[in-house]
Amino acid sequence: MAEQLSDDELSAAQAGDPSGFSAVYTVISPAVLGYFRARGVNDAEALTHDVFVDVLPKLATVTGGHAGLRTFIFSVAHARLVDHHRRAERTPYLAEYDPRDDARYVPSAEDEVLSSLGGIAGSLSQLNEEQREVLVLRIVADLSIEQVARIMNKTPGAIKQLQRRGLSALRELVTEKDHAAS
């Protein structure tokens, strides 16, 4: 059974005693919180606190004893709930951006260059990650060996080796594709 507010606590709250208000909050706030949660409020705790901030200065004017106090608190809670729903209706829904759902898609410059290379994009995907990265940075992005070395945290000699091995592997893939096509 729910905790009940004593007559002394109610009188203290109406007289402005902080301990009386604390008792009112302790006894009634779980029910107000449950009311908001049952009505689908996403931040029910904040709305519950707002209700009691509104109730505090008006406690002295409440009549009707325990029942009158509960009725008053829940009438404030209901008004806050209506305000919350009205505000939610006016607030635009924010959705995560998903580029696949964007009809304004325009291919990037890299996509256009790779598609203009014919079947090279498919061949590039067969290289290991580092070789592919070096070739794309060197050829598509037109960066120097030193710039690519800084980007990839490697020495210029390592970049030259990756480029040489990548081009060699790419040459073999293209040659195999030409032989398969004929």
C-alpha atoms as a PDB file:
ATOM      1  CA  MET A   1       0.000   0.000   0.000  1.00  0.00           C
ATOM      2  CA  ALA A   2       1.180   3.496  -0.800  1.00  0.00           C
ATOM      3  CA  GLU A   3       2.584   5.673   1.949  1.00  0.00           C
ATOM      4  CA  GLN A   4       0.069   8.160   3.320  1.00  0.00           C
ATOM      5  CA  LEU A   5       0.648  11.794   4.171  1.00  0.00           C
ATOM      6  CA  SER A   6      -0.102  12.592   7.823  1.00  0.00           C
ATOM      7  CA  ASP A   7      -2.292  15.526   8.826  1.00  0.00           C
ATOM      8  CA  ASP A   8       0.697  17.163  10.538  1.00  0.00           C
ATOM      9  CA  GLU A   9       2.823  16.900   7.368  1.00  0.00           C
ATOM     10  CA  LEU A  10      -0.009  18.358   5.290  1.00  0.00           C
ATOM     11  CA  SER A  11      -0.438  21.252   7.729  1.00  0.00           C
ATOM     12  CA  ALA A  12       3.329  21.863   7.766  1.00  0.00           C
ATOM     13  CA  ALA A  13       3.420  21.917   3.960  1.00  0.00           C
ATOM     14  CA  GLN A  14       0.555  24.406   3.796  1.00  0.00           C
ATOM     15  CA  ALA A  15       2.268  26.557   6.428  1.00  0.00           C
ATOM     16  CA  GLY A  16       5.380  26.748   4.208  1.00  0.00           C
ATOM     17  CA  ASP A  17       7.583  24.393   6.242  1.00  0.00           C
ATOM     18  CA  PRO A  18      10.209  22.757   3.968  1.00  0.00           C
ATOM     19  CA  SER A  19       9.921  19.432   5.795  1.00  0.00           C
ATOM     20  CA  GLY A  20       6.197  19.409   5.075  1.00  0.00           C
ATOM     21  CA  PHE A  21       6.766  20.012   1.370  1.00  0.00           C
ATOM     22  CA  SER A  22       9.431  17.314   1.395  1.00  0.00           C
ATOM     23  CA  ALA A  23       6.894  14.889   2.842  1.00  0.00           C
ATOM     24  CA  VAL A  24       4.329  15.856   0.191  1.00  0.00           C
ATOM     25  CA  TYR A  25       6.928  15.310  -2.513  1.00  0.00           C
ATOM     26  CA  THR A  26       8.083  11.986  -1.061  1.00  0.00           C
ATOM     27  CA  VAL A  27       4.547  10.621  -0.798  1.00  0.00           C
ATOM     28  CA  ILE A  28       2.922  11.912  -3.999  1.00  0.00           C
ATOM     29  CA  SER A  29       5.770  12.238  -6.522  1.00  0.00           C
ATOM     30  CA  PRO A  30       6.004   8.469  -7.246  1.00  0.00           C
ATOM     31  CA  ALA A  31       2.356   8.489  -8.335  1.00  0.00           C
ATOM     32  CA  VAL A  32       2.892  11.574 -10.522  1.00  0.00           C
ATOM     33  CA  LEU A  33       5.997   9.985 -12.028  1.00  0.00           C
ATOM     34  CA  GLY A  34       4.032   6.806 -12.756  1.00  0.00           C
ATOM     35  CA  TYR A  35       1.265   8.864 -14.345  1.00  0.00           C
ATOM     36  CA  PHE A  36       3.739  10.522 -16.723  1.00  0.00           C
ATOM     37  CA  ARG A  37       5.470   7.260 -17.570  1.00  0.00           C
ATOM     38  CA  ALA A  38       2.137   5.573 -18.267  1.00  0.00           C
ATOM     39  CA  ARG A  39       1.266   8.412 -20.636  1.00  0.00           C
ATOM     40  CA  GLY A  40       4.515   7.935 -22.610  1.00  0.00           C
ATOM     41  CA  VAL A  41       6.509  10.961 -21.476  1.00  0.00           C
ATOM     42  CA  ASN A  42      10.156  10.409 -22.366  1.00  0.00           C
ATOM     43  CA  ASP A  43      11.551  12.568 -19.512  1.00  0.00           C
ATOM     44  CA  ALA A  44       8.987  11.871 -16.824  1.00  0.00           C
ATOM     45  CA  GLU A  45      11.329  12.834 -13.970  1.00  0.00           C
ATOM     46  CA  ALA A  46      11.818  16.363 -15.303  1.00  0.00           C
ATOM     47  CA  LEU A  47       8.095  16.845 -15.795  1.00  0.00           C
ATOM     48  CA  THR A  48       7.429  15.563 -12.264  1.00  0.00           C
ATOM     49  CA  HIS A  49       9.871  18.116 -10.870  1.00  0.00           C
ATOM     50  CA  ASP A  50       8.165  20.857 -12.902  1.00  0.00           C
ATOM     51  CA  VAL A  51       4.824  19.925 -11.382  1.00  0.00           C
ATOM     52  CA  PHE A  52       6.144  20.232  -7.840  1.00  0.00           C
ATOM     53  CA  VAL A  53       7.881  23.519  -8.650  1.00  0.00           C
ATOM     54  CA  ASP A  54       4.454  24.825  -9.716  1.00  0.00           C
ATOM     55  CA  VAL A  55       2.728  23.333  -6.680  1.00  0.00           C
ATOM     56  CA  LEU A  56       5.104  24.675  -3.998  1.00  0.00           C
ATOM     57  CA  PRO A  57       4.036  28.356  -4.029  1.00  0.00           C
ATOM     58  CA  LYS A  58       0.338  27.423  -4.165  1.00  0.00           C
ATOM     59  CA  LEU A  59       0.243  24.854  -1.341  1.00  0.00           C
ATOM     60  CA  ALA A  60      -1.153  27.352   1.177  1.00  0.00           C
ATOM     61  CA  THR A  61      -4.241  27.911  -0.976  1.00  0.00           C
ATOM     62  CA  VAL A  62      -5.159  24.225  -1.353  1.00  0.00           C
ATOM     63  CA  THR A  63      -8.361  23.160   0.371  1.00  0.00           C
ATOM     64  CA  GLY A  64      -9.996  19.782   0.821  1.00  0.00           C
ATOM     65  CA  GLY A  65      -7.346  18.004   2.900  1.00  0.00           C
ATOM     66  CA  HIS A  66      -5.486  15.020   1.467  1.00  0.00           C
ATOM     67  CA  ALA A  67      -7.948  14.424  -1.359  1.00  0.00           C
ATOM     68  CA  GLY A  68      -7.935  18.113  -2.313  1.00  0.00           C
ATOM     69  CA  LEU A  69      -4.124  18.154  -2.350  1.00  0.00           C
ATOM     70  CA  ARG A  70      -3.915  15.061  -4.591  1.00  0.00           C
ATOM     71  CA  THR A  71      -6.573  16.494  -6.895  1.00  0.00           C
ATOM     72  CA  PHE A  72      -4.711  19.789  -7.124  1.00  0.00           C
ATOM     73  CA  ILE A  73      -1.337  18.123  -7.791  1.00  0.00           C
ATOM     74  CA  PHE A  74      -2.781  15.849 -10.462  1.00  0.00           C
ATOM     75  CA  SER A  75      -4.627  18.733 -12.114  1.00  0.00           C
ATOM     76  CA  VAL A  76      -1.268  20.534 -12.395  1.00  0.00           C
ATOM     77  CA  ALA A  77       0.293  17.275 -13.660  1.00  0.00           C
ATOM     78  CA  HIS A  78      -2.431  16.914 -16.285  1.00  0.00           C
ATOM     79  CA  ALA A  79      -1.909  20.509 -17.444  1.00  0.00           C
ATOM     80  CA  ARG A  80       1.842  19.860 -17.706  1.00  0.00           C
ATOM     81  CA  LEU A  81       1.160  16.691 -19.694  1.00  0.00           C
ATOM     82  CA  VAL A  82      -1.077  18.565 -22.139  1.00  0.00           C
ATOM     83  CA  ASP A  83       1.613  21.254 -22.505  1.00  0.00           C
ATOM     84  CA  HIS A  84       4.227  18.547 -23.076  1.00  0.00           C
ATOM     85  CA  HIS A  85       2.204  16.885 -25.847  1.00  0.00           C
ATOM     86  CA  ARG A  86       1.433  20.207 -27.529  1.00  0.00           C
ATOM     87  CA  ARG A  87       5.113  21.132 -27.459  1.00  0.00           C
ATOM     88  CA  ALA A  88       6.040  17.688 -28.827  1.00  0.00           C
ATOM     89  CA  GLU A  89       3.601  18.136 -31.730  1.00  0.00           C
ATOM     90  CA  ARG A  90       5.247  21.433 -32.671  1.00  0.00           C
ATOM     91  CA  THR A  91       8.791  20.101 -32.327  1.00  0.00           C
ATOM     92  CA  PRO A  92      10.130  18.696 -35.573  1.00  0.00           C
ATOM     93  CA  TYR A  93      11.155  15.073 -35.573  1.00  0.00           C
ATOM     94  CA  LEU A  94      14.921  14.790 -35.815  1.00  0.00           C
ATOM     95  CA  ALA A  95      16.115  11.720 -37.669  1.00  0.00           C
ATOM     96  CA  GLU A  96      19.621  10.518 -38.219  1.00  0.00           C
ATOM     97  CA  TYR A  97      20.960  11.382 -41.647  1.00  0.00           C
ATOM     98  CA  ASP A  98      21.319   8.347 -43.861  1.00  0.00           C
ATOM     99  CA  PRO A  99      22.970   9.130 -47.184  1.00  0.00           C
ATOM    100  CA  ARG A 100      21.327   6.092 -48.788  1.00  0.00           C
ATOM    101  CA  ASP A 101      17.916   7.730 -48.266  1.00  0.00           C
ATOM    102  CA  ASP A 102      19.003  11.046 -49.780  1.00  0.00           C
ATOM    103  CA  ALA A 103      17.586  11.466 -53.289  1.00  0.00           C
ATOM    104  CA  ARG A 104      20.006  14.327 -53.921  1.00  0.00           C
ATOM    105  CA  TYR A 105      22.978  11.957 -54.162  1.00  0.00           C
ATOM    106  CA  VAL A 106      25.688  13.122 -56.492  1.00  0.00           C
ATOM    107  CA  PRO A 107      28.689  10.886 -57.106  1.00  0.00           C
ATOM    108  CA  SER A 108      31.894  12.158 -55.544  1.00  0.00           C
ATOM    109  CA  ALA A 109      34.844  13.146 -57.662  1.00  0.00           C
ATOM    110  CA  GLU A 110      36.591   9.957 -56.582  1.00  0.00           C
ATOM    111  CA  ASP A 111      33.607   7.851 -57.680  1.00  0.00           C
ATOM    112  CA  GLU A 112      33.584   9.550 -61.073  1.00  0.00           C
ATOM    113  CA  VAL A 113      37.324   9.046 -61.596  1.00  0.00           C
ATOM    114  CA  LEU A 114      37.147   5.404 -60.572  1.00  0.00           C
ATOM    115  CA  SER A 115      34.175   4.772 -62.846  1.00  0.00           C
ATOM    116  CA  SER A 116      35.957   6.501 -65.735  1.00  0.00           C
ATOM    117  CA  LEU A 117      38.855   4.086 -65.309  1.00  0.00           C
ATOM    118  CA  GLY A 118      36.666   1.270 -66.588  1.00  0.00           C
ATOM    119  CA  GLY A 119      37.065  -1.980 -64.688  1.00  0.00           C
ATOM    120  CA  ILE A 120      39.993  -0.676 -62.666  1.00  0.00           C
ATOM    121  CA  ALA A 121      37.805  -0.068 -59.607  1.00  0.00           C
ATOM    122  CA  GLY A 122      37.024  -3.774 -59.384  1.00  0.00           C
ATOM    123  CA  SER A 123      40.668  -4.609 -59.872  1.00  0.00           C
ATOM    124  CA  LEU A 124      41.700  -2.102 -57.204  1.00  0.00           C
ATOM    125  CA  SER A 125      39.405  -3.802 -54.730  1.00  0.00           C
ATOM    126  CA  GLN A 126      41.437  -6.985 -55.146  1.00  0.00           C
ATOM    127  CA  LEU A 127      44.655  -5.311 -53.925  1.00  0.00           C
ATOM    128  CA  ASN A 128      45.551  -5.228 -50.259  1.00  0.00           C
ATOM    129  CA  GLU A 129      44.407  -2.177 -48.303  1.00  0.00           C
ATOM    130  CA  GLU A 130      47.782  -0.397 -48.196  1.00  0.00           C
ATOM    131  CA  GLN A 131      48.514  -0.881 -51.899  1.00  0.00           C
ATOM    132  CA  ARG A 132      45.036   0.347 -52.825  1.00  0.00           C
ATOM    133  CA  GLU A 133      45.403   3.386 -50.529  1.00  0.00           C
ATOM    134  CA  VAL A 134      48.801   4.318 -51.978  1.00  0.00           C
ATOM    135  CA  LEU A 135      47.599   4.008 -55.580  1.00  0.00           C
ATOM    136  CA  VAL A 136      44.447   6.030 -54.953  1.00  0.00           C
ATOM    137  CA  LEU A 137      46.367   8.754 -53.108  1.00  0.00           C
ATOM    138  CA  ARG A 138      49.094   8.880 -55.735  1.00  0.00           C
ATOM    139  CA  ILE A 139      47.010   8.586 -58.906  1.00  0.00           C
ATOM    140  CA  VAL A 140      43.505   9.801 -58.085  1.00  0.00           C
ATOM    141  CA  ALA A 141      44.399  12.409 -55.463  1.00  0.00           C
ATOM    142  CA  ASP A 142      47.628  13.301 -57.326  1.00  0.00           C
ATOM    143  CA  LEU A 143      49.729  13.530 -54.155  1.00  0.00           C
ATOM    144  CA  SER A 144      53.505  13.268 -54.002  1.00  0.00           C
ATOM    145  CA  ILE A 145      55.300  10.330 -52.422  1.00  0.00           C
ATOM    146  CA  GLU A 146      56.254  12.516 -49.448  1.00  0.00           C
ATOM    147  CA  GLN A 147      52.640  13.635 -48.917  1.00  0.00           C
ATOM    148  CA  VAL A 148      51.373  10.051 -49.067  1.00  0.00           C
ATOM    149  CA  ALA A 149      54.135   8.991 -46.649  1.00  0.00           C
ATOM    150  CA  ARG A 150      52.999  11.634 -44.139  1.00  0.00           C
ATOM    151  CA  ILE A 151      49.344  10.638 -44.508  1.00  0.00           C
ATOM    152  CA  MET A 152      50.030   6.937 -44.036  1.00  0.00           C
ATOM    153  CA  ASN A 153      52.787   7.380 -41.397  1.00  0.00           C
ATOM    154  CA  LYS A 154      55.317   5.501 -43.519  1.00  0.00           C
ATOM    155  CA  THR A 155      58.672   6.303 -45.041  1.00  0.00           C
ATOM    156  CA  PRO A 156      58.895   7.464 -48.673  1.00  0.00           C
ATOM    157  CA  GLY A 157      60.772   4.241 -49.468  1.00  0.00           C
ATOM    158  CA  ALA A 158      57.887   2.150 -48.089  1.00  0.00           C
ATOM    159  CA  ILE A 159      55.416   4.144 -50.185  1.00  0.00           C
ATOM    160  CA  LYS A 160      57.513   3.563 -53.323  1.00  0.00           C
ATOM    161  CA  GLN A 161      57.565  -0.182 -52.609  1.00  0.00           C
ATOM    162  CA  LEU A 162      53.796  -0.298 -51.985  1.00  0.00           C
ATOM    163  CA  GLN A 163      53.207   1.652 -55.195  1.00  0.00           C
ATOM    164  CA  ARG A 164      55.490  -0.615 -57.216  1.00  0.00           C
ATOM    165  CA  ARG A 165      53.915  -3.796 -55.811  1.00  0.00           C
ATOM    166  CA  GLY A 166      50.384  -2.391 -56.229  1.00  0.00           C
ATOM    167  CA  LEU A 167      50.994  -1.404 -59.853  1.00  0.00           C
ATOM    168  CA  SER A 168      52.572  -4.796 -60.548  1.00  0.00           C
ATOM    169  CA  ALA A 169      49.603  -6.630 -59.013  1.00  0.00           C
ATOM    170  CA  LEU A 170      47.189  -4.358 -60.871  1.00  0.00           C
ATOM    171  CA  ARG A 171      48.997  -5.039 -64.145  1.00  0.00           C
ATOM    172  CA  GLU A 172      48.655  -8.798 -63.581  1.00  0.00           C
ATOM    173  CA  LEU A 173      44.942  -8.459 -62.757  1.00  0.00           C
ATOM    174  CA  VAL A 174      44.260  -6.397 -65.874  1.00  0.00           C
ATOM    175  CA  THR A 175      46.265  -8.833 -68.031  1.00  0.00           C
ATOM    176  CA  GLU A 176      44.301 -11.782 -66.603  1.00  0.00           C
ATOM    177  CA  LYS A 177      41.047  -9.966 -67.285  1.00  0.00           C
ATOM    178  CA  ASP A 178      42.089  -9.258 -70.896  1.00  0.00           C
ATOM    179  CA  HIS A 179      42.998 -12.925 -71.436  1.00  0.00           C
ATOM    180  CA  ALA A 180      39.712 -14.081 -69.930  1.00  0.00           C
ATOM    181  CA  ALA A 181      37.736 -11.677 -72.135  1.00  0.00           C
ATOM    182  CA  SER A 182      39.321 -12.865 -75.396  1.00  0.00           C
END
